């Protein structure tokens, strides 16, 4: 396990000071957090949509099924376009 010097709170007056202190692995994780957060949000949205689709198929509610399929297509399109 690596030893790191302690973090005095006053030495990080800006982001650059903090980034220069972090080990390279930590920096890579920090840079990927927003991407991972978005991927998780999209995954949860897809799970919810698939659940709704299953319920609408069981209820035979064609209009709601059509809506959930359009919503899923819009979510996938937004993910693929990077929005």
PDB file of N, CA and C in Angstrom:
ATOM      1  N   UNK A   1       0.836  -1.174   0.000  1.00  0.00           N
ATOM      2  CA  UNK A   1       0.000   0.000   0.000  1.00  0.00           C
ATOM      3  C   UNK A   1       0.887   1.245   0.000  1.00  0.00           C
ATOM      4  N   UNK A   2       0.557   2.230  -0.824  1.00  0.00           N
ATOM      5  CA  UNK A   2       1.367   3.433  -0.942  1.00  0.00           C
ATOM      6  C   UNK A   2       1.136   4.367   0.229  1.00  0.00           C
ATOM      7  N   UNK A   3       2.190   5.050   0.614  1.00  0.00           N
ATOM      8  CA  UNK A   3       2.087   6.072   1.647  1.00  0.00           C
ATOM      9  C   UNK A   3       2.012   7.425   0.950  1.00  0.00           C
ATOM     10  N   UNK A   4       1.085   8.270   1.385  1.00  0.00           N
ATOM     11  CA  UNK A   4       0.964   9.622   0.833  1.00  0.00           C
ATOM     12  C   UNK A   4       1.116  10.616   1.966  1.00  0.00           C
ATOM     13  N   UNK A   5       1.686  11.752   1.630  1.00  0.00           N
ATOM     14  CA  UNK A   5       1.794  12.786   2.653  1.00  0.00           C
ATOM     15  C   UNK A   5       0.397  13.290   2.992  1.00  0.00           C
ATOM     16  N   UNK A   6       0.247  13.801   4.198  1.00  0.00           N
ATOM     17  CA  UNK A   6      -1.074  14.277   4.615  1.00  0.00           C
ATOM     18  C   UNK A   6      -1.466  15.508   3.810  1.00  0.00           C
ATOM     19  N   UNK A   7      -2.753  15.765   3.749  1.00  0.00           N
ATOM     20  CA  UNK A   7      -3.285  16.860   2.945  1.00  0.00           C
ATOM     21  C   UNK A   7      -3.608  18.063   3.822  1.00  0.00           C
ATOM     22  N   UNK A   8      -2.736  19.053   3.894  1.00  0.00           N
ATOM     23  CA  UNK A   8      -3.113  20.256   4.635  1.00  0.00           C
ATOM     24  C   UNK A   8      -4.208  20.992   3.864  1.00  0.00           C
ATOM     25  N   UNK A   9      -5.287  21.335   4.523  1.00  0.00           N
ATOM     26  CA  UNK A   9      -6.458  21.907   3.852  1.00  0.00           C
ATOM     27  C   UNK A   9      -6.154  23.235   3.170  1.00  0.00           C
ATOM     28  N   UNK A  10      -5.308  24.042   3.739  1.00  0.00           N
ATOM     29  CA  UNK A  10      -5.058  25.373   3.195  1.00  0.00           C
ATOM     30  C   UNK A  10      -4.211  25.368   1.935  1.00  0.00           C
ATOM     31  N   UNK A  11      -3.556  24.281   1.603  1.00  0.00           N
ATOM     32  CA  UNK A  11      -2.651  24.268   0.457  1.00  0.00           C
ATOM     33  C   UNK A  11      -3.377  24.096  -0.880  1.00  0.00           C
ATOM     34  N   UNK A  12      -4.683  23.821  -0.849  1.00  0.00           N
ATOM     35  CA  UNK A  12      -5.412  23.593  -2.090  1.00  0.00           C
ATOM     36  C   UNK A  12      -6.347  24.762  -2.381  1.00  0.00           C
ATOM     37  N   UNK A  13      -5.756  25.905  -2.627  1.00  0.00           N
ATOM     38  CA  UNK A  13      -6.565  27.096  -2.882  1.00  0.00           C
ATOM     39  C   UNK A  13      -7.212  27.052  -4.260  1.00  0.00           C
ATOM     40  N   UNK A  14      -6.681  26.266  -5.152  1.00  0.00           N
ATOM     41  CA  UNK A  14      -7.322  26.107  -6.459  1.00  0.00           C
ATOM     42  C   UNK A  14      -7.197  24.657  -6.924  1.00  0.00           C
ATOM     43  N   UNK A  15      -7.920  24.341  -7.967  1.00  0.00           N
ATOM     44  CA  UNK A  15      -7.969  22.969  -8.472  1.00  0.00           C
ATOM     45  C   UNK A  15      -6.601  22.489  -8.942  1.00  0.00           C
ATOM     46  N   UNK A  16      -5.817  23.371  -9.523  1.00  0.00           N
ATOM     47  CA  UNK A  16      -4.507  22.977 -10.047  1.00  0.00           C
ATOM     48  C   UNK A  16      -3.602  22.463  -8.929  1.00  0.00           C
ATOM     49  N   UNK A  17      -3.636  23.115  -7.765  1.00  0.00           N
ATOM     50  CA  UNK A  17      -2.828  22.643  -6.638  1.00  0.00           C
ATOM     51  C   UNK A  17      -3.238  21.239  -6.227  1.00  0.00           C
ATOM     52  N   UNK A  18      -4.542  20.982  -6.189  1.00  0.00           N
ATOM     53  CA  UNK A  18      -5.038  19.667  -5.797  1.00  0.00           C
ATOM     54  C   UNK A  18      -4.646  18.611  -6.822  1.00  0.00           C
ATOM     55  N   UNK A  19      -4.830  18.926  -8.107  1.00  0.00           N
ATOM     56  CA  UNK A  19      -4.521  17.967  -9.172  1.00  0.00           C
ATOM     57  C   UNK A  19      -3.033  17.623  -9.180  1.00  0.00           C
ATOM     58  N   UNK A  20      -2.177  18.607  -8.937  1.00  0.00           N
ATOM     59  CA  UNK A  20      -0.738  18.331  -8.945  1.00  0.00           C
ATOM     60  C   UNK A  20      -0.335  17.416  -7.790  1.00  0.00           C
ATOM     61  N   UNK A  21      -1.122  17.384  -6.711  1.00  0.00           N
ATOM     62  CA  UNK A  21      -0.810  16.535  -5.567  1.00  0.00           C
ATOM     63  C   UNK A  21      -1.272  15.093  -5.762  1.00  0.00           C
ATOM     64  N   UNK A  22      -2.381  14.909  -6.464  1.00  0.00           N
ATOM     65  CA  UNK A  22      -2.985  13.580  -6.581  1.00  0.00           C
ATOM     66  C   UNK A  22      -2.094  12.608  -7.339  1.00  0.00           C
ATOM     67  N   UNK A  23      -2.068  11.361  -6.920  1.00  0.00           N
ATOM     68  CA  UNK A  23      -1.361  10.351  -7.711  1.00  0.00           C
ATOM     69  C   UNK A  23      -2.052  10.187  -9.071  1.00  0.00           C
ATOM     70  N   UNK A  24      -1.341   9.724 -10.040  1.00  0.00           N
ATOM     71  CA  UNK A  24      -1.875   9.638 -11.398  1.00  0.00           C
ATOM     72  C   UNK A  24      -3.139   8.781 -11.468  1.00  0.00           C
ATOM     73  N   UNK A  25      -3.183   7.674 -10.752  1.00  0.00           N
ATOM     74  CA  UNK A  25      -4.379   6.816 -10.769  1.00  0.00           C
ATOM     75  C   UNK A  25      -5.602   7.571 -10.277  1.00  0.00           C
ATOM     76  N   UNK A  26      -5.437   8.338  -9.208  1.00  0.00           N
ATOM     77  CA  UNK A  26      -6.559   9.099  -8.656  1.00  0.00           C
ATOM     78  C   UNK A  26      -7.066  10.107  -9.667  1.00  0.00           C
ATOM     79  N   UNK A  27      -6.161  10.733 -10.377  1.00  0.00           N
ATOM     80  CA  UNK A  27      -6.547  11.719 -11.377  1.00  0.00           C
ATOM     81  C   UNK A  27      -7.355  11.066 -12.489  1.00  0.00           C
ATOM     82  N   UNK A  28      -6.940   9.889 -12.922  1.00  0.00           N
ATOM     83  CA  UNK A  28      -7.677   9.179 -13.968  1.00  0.00           C
ATOM     84  C   UNK A  28      -9.085   8.848 -13.492  1.00  0.00           C
ATOM     85  N   UNK A  29      -9.216   8.402 -12.255  1.00  0.00           N
ATOM     86  CA  UNK A  29     -10.538   8.094 -11.700  1.00  0.00           C
ATOM     87  C   UNK A  29     -11.391   9.346 -11.640  1.00  0.00           C
ATOM     88  N   UNK A  30     -10.815  10.454 -11.182  1.00  0.00           N
ATOM     89  CA  UNK A  30     -11.569  11.709 -11.100  1.00  0.00           C
ATOM     90  C   UNK A  30     -12.054  12.166 -12.471  1.00  0.00           C
ATOM     91  N   UNK A  31     -11.224  11.993 -13.485  1.00  0.00           N
ATOM     92  CA  UNK A  31     -11.613  12.419 -14.828  1.00  0.00           C
ATOM     93  C   UNK A  31     -12.724  11.549 -15.397  1.00  0.00           C
ATOM     94  N   UNK A  32     -12.802  10.298 -14.976  1.00  0.00           N
ATOM     95  CA  UNK A  32     -13.817   9.392 -15.497  1.00  0.00           C
ATOM     96  C   UNK A  32     -15.120   9.424 -14.710  1.00  0.00           C
ATOM     97  N   UNK A  33     -15.149  10.036 -13.540  1.00  0.00           N
ATOM     98  CA  UNK A  33     -16.360  10.046 -12.725  1.00  0.00           C
ATOM     99  C   UNK A  33     -17.573  10.631 -13.440  1.00  0.00           C
ATOM    100  N   UNK A  34     -17.460  11.787 -14.115  1.00  0.00           N
ATOM    101  CA  UNK A  34     -18.652  12.304 -14.808  1.00  0.00           C
ATOM    102  C   UNK A  34     -19.164  11.344 -15.880  1.00  0.00           C
ATOM    103  N   UNK A  35     -18.272  10.683 -16.585  1.00  0.00           N
ATOM    104  CA  UNK A  35     -18.673   9.736 -17.627  1.00  0.00           C
ATOM    105  C   UNK A  35     -19.380   8.543 -16.997  1.00  0.00           C
ATOM    106  N   UNK A  36     -18.812   8.014 -15.910  1.00  0.00           N
ATOM    107  CA  UNK A  36     -19.426   6.877 -15.227  1.00  0.00           C
ATOM    108  C   UNK A  36     -20.788   7.248 -14.664  1.00  0.00           C
ATOM    109  N   UNK A  37     -20.911   8.475 -14.160  1.00  0.00           N
ATOM    110  CA  UNK A  37     -22.187   8.941 -13.614  1.00  0.00           C
ATOM    111  C   UNK A  37     -23.252   8.964 -14.708  1.00  0.00           C
ATOM    112  N   UNK A  38     -22.902   9.490 -15.879  1.00  0.00           N
ATOM    113  CA  UNK A  38     -23.863   9.537 -16.991  1.00  0.00           C
ATOM    114  C   UNK A  38     -24.231   8.138 -17.458  1.00  0.00           C
ATOM    115  N   UNK A  39     -23.261   7.250 -17.531  1.00  0.00           N
ATOM    116  CA  UNK A  39     -23.550   5.885 -17.956  1.00  0.00           C
ATOM    117  C   UNK A  39     -24.501   5.206 -16.982  1.00  0.00           C
ATOM    118  N   UNK A  40     -24.313   5.443 -15.694  1.00  0.00           N
ATOM    119  CA  UNK A  40     -25.192   4.857 -14.689  1.00  0.00           C
ATOM    120  C   UNK A  40     -26.604   5.416 -14.810  1.00  0.00           C
ATOM    121  N   UNK A  41     -26.712   6.729 -15.031  1.00  0.00           N
ATOM    122  CA  UNK A  41     -28.034   7.337 -15.200  1.00  0.00           C
ATOM    123  C   UNK A  41     -28.750   6.744 -16.406  1.00  0.00           C
ATOM    124  N   UNK A  42     -28.029   6.581 -17.512  1.00  0.00           N
ATOM    125  CA  UNK A  42     -28.637   6.020 -18.720  1.00  0.00           C
ATOM    126  C   UNK A  42     -29.023   4.559 -18.506  1.00  0.00           C
ATOM    127  N   UNK A  43     -28.200   3.818 -17.791  1.00  0.00           N
ATOM    128  CA  UNK A  43     -28.518   2.423 -17.509  1.00  0.00           C
ATOM    129  C   UNK A  43     -29.788   2.320 -16.670  1.00  0.00           C
ATOM    130  N   UNK A  44     -29.890   3.144 -15.640  1.00  0.00           N
ATOM    131  CA  UNK A  44     -31.086   3.124 -14.801  1.00  0.00           C
ATOM    132  C   UNK A  44     -32.322   3.530 -15.596  1.00  0.00           C
ATOM    133  N   UNK A  45     -32.180   4.521 -16.463  1.00  0.00           N
ATOM    134  CA  UNK A  45     -33.307   4.941 -17.295  1.00  0.00           C
ATOM    135  C   UNK A  45     -33.753   3.796 -18.201  1.00  0.00           C
ATOM    136  N   UNK A  46     -32.796   3.085 -18.778  1.00  0.00           N
ATOM    137  CA  UNK A  46     -33.148   1.949 -19.641  1.00  0.00           C
ATOM    138  C   UNK A  46     -33.851   0.842 -18.870  1.00  0.00           C
ATOM    139  N   UNK A  47     -33.388   0.583 -17.646  1.00  0.00           N
ATOM    140  CA  UNK A  47     -34.037  -0.442 -16.823  1.00  0.00           C
ATOM    141  C   UNK A  47     -35.477  -0.049 -16.540  1.00  0.00           C
ATOM    142  N   UNK A  48     -35.694   1.215 -16.197  1.00  0.00           N
ATOM    143  CA  UNK A  48     -37.057   1.676 -15.922  1.00  0.00           C
ATOM    144  C   UNK A  48     -37.941   1.567 -17.159  1.00  0.00           C
ATOM    145  N   UNK A  49     -37.400   1.927 -18.311  1.00  0.00           N
ATOM    146  CA  UNK A  49     -38.175   1.852 -19.553  1.00  0.00           C
ATOM    147  C   UNK A  49     -38.512   0.398 -19.876  1.00  0.00           C
ATOM    148  N   UNK A  50     -37.532  -0.490 -19.738  1.00  0.00           N
ATOM    149  CA  UNK A  50     -37.788  -1.910 -20.013  1.00  0.00           C
ATOM    150  C   UNK A  50     -38.844  -2.466 -19.060  1.00  0.00           C
ATOM    151  N   UNK A  51     -38.810  -2.039 -17.799  1.00  0.00           N
ATOM    152  CA  UNK A  51     -39.817  -2.483 -16.834  1.00  0.00           C
ATOM    153  C   UNK A  51     -41.200  -2.015 -17.251  1.00  0.00           C
ATOM    154  N   UNK A  52     -41.283  -0.748 -17.668  1.00  0.00           N
ATOM    155  CA  UNK A  52     -42.575  -0.225 -18.136  1.00  0.00           C
ATOM    156  C   UNK A  52     -43.056  -0.988 -19.361  1.00  0.00           C
ATOM    157  N   UNK A  53     -42.137  -1.322 -20.258  1.00  0.00           N
ATOM    158  CA  UNK A  53     -42.526  -2.074 -21.447  1.00  0.00           C
ATOM    159  C   UNK A  53     -43.088  -3.435 -21.061  1.00  0.00           C
ATOM    160  N   UNK A  54     -42.466  -4.083 -20.110  1.00  0.00           N
ATOM    161  CA  UNK A  54     -42.947  -5.388 -19.669  1.00  0.00           C
ATOM    162  C   UNK A  54     -44.342  -5.274 -19.062  1.00  0.00           C
ATOM    163  N   UNK A  55     -44.540  -4.274 -18.214  1.00  0.00           N
ATOM    164  CA  UNK A  55     -45.850  -4.078 -17.581  1.00  0.00           C
ATOM    165  C   UNK A  55     -46.916  -3.778 -18.633  1.00  0.00           C
ATOM    166  N   UNK A  56     -46.582  -2.931 -19.611  1.00  0.00           N
ATOM    167  CA  UNK A  56     -47.577  -2.594 -20.632  1.00  0.00           C
ATOM    168  C   UNK A  56     -47.901  -3.794 -21.512  1.00  0.00           C
ATOM    169  N   UNK A  57     -46.925  -4.657 -21.745  1.00  0.00           N
ATOM    170  CA  UNK A  57     -47.212  -5.871 -22.517  1.00  0.00           C
ATOM    171  C   UNK A  57     -48.148  -6.782 -21.735  1.00  0.00           C
ATOM    172  N   UNK A  58     -47.918  -6.878 -20.434  1.00  0.00           N
ATOM    173  CA  UNK A  58     -48.788  -7.715 -19.606  1.00  0.00           C
ATOM    174  C   UNK A  58     -50.202  -7.139 -19.522  1.00  0.00           C
ATOM    175  N   UNK A  59     -50.305  -5.805 -19.491  1.00  0.00           N
ATOM    176  CA  UNK A  59     -51.613  -5.143 -19.413  1.00  0.00           C
ATOM    177  C   UNK A  59     -52.275  -5.003 -20.786  1.00  0.00           C
ATOM    178  N   UNK A  60     -51.509  -5.271 -21.829  1.00  0.00           N
ATOM    179  CA  UNK A  60     -51.969  -5.105 -23.215  1.00  0.00           C
ATOM    180  C   UNK A  60     -52.386  -3.662 -23.511  1.00  0.00           C
ATOM    181  N   UNK A  61     -51.617  -2.719 -22.967  1.00  0.00           N
ATOM    182  CA  UNK A  61     -51.852  -1.300 -23.202  1.00  0.00           C
ATOM    183  C   UNK A  61     -50.952  -0.872 -24.362  1.00  0.00           C
ATOM    184  N   UNK A  62     -51.484  -0.932 -25.559  1.00  0.00           N
ATOM    185  CA  UNK A  62     -50.703  -0.698 -26.773  1.00  0.00           C
ATOM    186  C   UNK A  62     -50.185   0.737 -26.844  1.00  0.00           C
ATOM    187  N   UNK A  63     -51.004   1.705 -26.428  1.00  0.00           N
ATOM    188  CA  UNK A  63     -50.580   3.108 -26.496  1.00  0.00           C
ATOM    189  C   UNK A  63     -49.394   3.376 -25.574  1.00  0.00           C
ATOM    190  N   UNK A  64     -49.441   2.829 -24.374  1.00  0.00           N
ATOM    191  CA  UNK A  64     -48.329   3.016 -23.436  1.00  0.00           C
ATOM    192  C   UNK A  64     -47.083   2.279 -23.920  1.00  0.00           C
ATOM    193  N   UNK A  65     -47.255   1.111 -24.495  1.00  0.00           N
ATOM    194  CA  UNK A  65     -46.124   0.367 -25.046  1.00  0.00           C
ATOM    195  C   UNK A  65     -45.459   1.165 -26.166  1.00  0.00           C
ATOM    196  N   UNK A  66     -46.264   1.758 -27.037  1.00  0.00           N
ATOM    197  CA  UNK A  66     -45.735   2.583 -28.125  1.00  0.00           C
ATOM    198  C   UNK A  66     -44.944   3.766 -27.563  1.00  0.00           C
ATOM    199  N   UNK A  67     -45.499   4.403 -26.523  1.00  0.00           N
ATOM    200  CA  UNK A  67     -44.816   5.541 -25.898  1.00  0.00           C
ATOM    201  C   UNK A  67     -43.474   5.121 -25.303  1.00  0.00           C
ATOM    202  N   UNK A  68     -43.433   3.995 -24.588  1.00  0.00           N
ATOM    203  CA  UNK A  68     -42.179   3.567 -23.961  1.00  0.00           C
ATOM    204  C   UNK A  68     -41.129   3.183 -25.004  1.00  0.00           C
ATOM    205  N   UNK A  69     -41.562   2.629 -26.114  1.00  0.00           N
ATOM    206  CA  UNK A  69     -40.608   2.298 -27.181  1.00  0.00           C
ATOM    207  C   UNK A  69     -40.032   3.562 -27.806  1.00  0.00           C
ATOM    208  N   UNK A  70     -40.874   4.581 -27.993  1.00  0.00           N
ATOM    209  CA  UNK A  70     -40.377   5.862 -28.524  1.00  0.00           C
ATOM    210  C   UNK A  70     -39.435   6.530 -27.529  1.00  0.00           C
ATOM    211  N   UNK A  71     -39.768   6.449 -26.242  1.00  0.00           N
ATOM    212  CA  UNK A  71     -38.921   7.031 -25.206  1.00  0.00           C
ATOM    213  C   UNK A  71     -37.571   6.327 -25.153  1.00  0.00           C
ATOM    214  N   UNK A  72     -37.579   5.011 -25.275  1.00  0.00           N
ATOM    215  CA  UNK A  72     -36.326   4.259 -25.287  1.00  0.00           C
ATOM    216  C   UNK A  72     -35.476   4.653 -26.490  1.00  0.00           C
ATOM    217  N   UNK A  73     -36.099   4.787 -27.653  1.00  0.00           N
ATOM    218  CA  UNK A  73     -35.356   5.183 -28.855  1.00  0.00           C
ATOM    219  C   UNK A  73     -34.741   6.572 -28.677  1.00  0.00           C
ATOM    220  N   UNK A  74     -35.479   7.475 -28.029  1.00  0.00           N
ATOM    221  CA  UNK A  74     -34.957   8.819 -27.786  1.00  0.00           C
ATOM    222  C   UNK A  74     -33.774   8.779 -26.820  1.00  0.00           C
ATOM    223  N   UNK A  75     -33.854   7.945 -25.783  1.00  0.00           N
ATOM    224  CA  UNK A  75     -32.749   7.811 -24.817  1.00  0.00           C
ATOM    225  C   UNK A  75     -31.507   7.242 -25.492  1.00  0.00           C
ATOM    226  N   UNK A  76     -31.693   6.210 -26.284  1.00  0.00           N
ATOM    227  CA  UNK A  76     -30.561   5.599 -26.987  1.00  0.00           C
ATOM    228  C   UNK A  76     -29.952   6.598 -27.963  1.00  0.00           C
ATOM    229  N   UNK A  77     -30.792   7.335 -28.676  1.00  0.00           N
ATOM    230  CA  UNK A  77     -30.294   8.351 -29.606  1.00  0.00           C
ATOM    231  C   UNK A  77     -29.497   9.434 -28.897  1.00  0.00           C
ATOM    232  N   UNK A  78     -29.985   9.854 -27.734  1.00  0.00           N
ATOM    233  CA  UNK A  78     -29.270  10.876 -26.959  1.00  0.00           C
ATOM    234  C   UNK A  78     -27.927  10.348 -26.467  1.00  0.00           C
ATOM    235  N   UNK A  79     -27.880   9.087 -26.021  1.00  0.00           N
ATOM    236  CA  UNK A  79     -26.617   8.499 -25.557  1.00  0.00           C
ATOM    237  C   UNK A  79     -25.619   8.394 -26.701  1.00  0.00           C
ATOM    238  N   UNK A  80     -26.098   7.965 -27.857  1.00  0.00           N
ATOM    239  CA  UNK A  80     -25.194   7.774 -28.990  1.00  0.00           C
ATOM    240  C   UNK A  80     -24.675   9.098 -29.535  1.00  0.00           C
ATOM    241  N   UNK A  81     -25.476  10.157 -29.407  1.00  0.00           N
ATOM    242  CA  UNK A  81     -25.026  11.459 -29.902  1.00  0.00           C
ATOM    243  C   UNK A  81     -24.156  12.183 -28.883  1.00  0.00           C
ATOM    244  N   UNK A  82     -24.088  11.656 -27.655  1.00  0.00           N
ATOM    245  CA  UNK A  82     -23.243  12.263 -26.635  1.00  0.00           C
ATOM    246  C   UNK A  82     -23.898  13.385 -25.868  1.00  0.00           C
ATOM    247  N   UNK A  83     -25.189  13.554 -25.984  1.00  0.00           N
ATOM    248  CA  UNK A  83     -25.899  14.638 -25.281  1.00  0.00           C
ATOM    249  C   UNK A  83     -26.272  14.222 -23.893  1.00  0.00           C
TER     250      UNK A  83
END
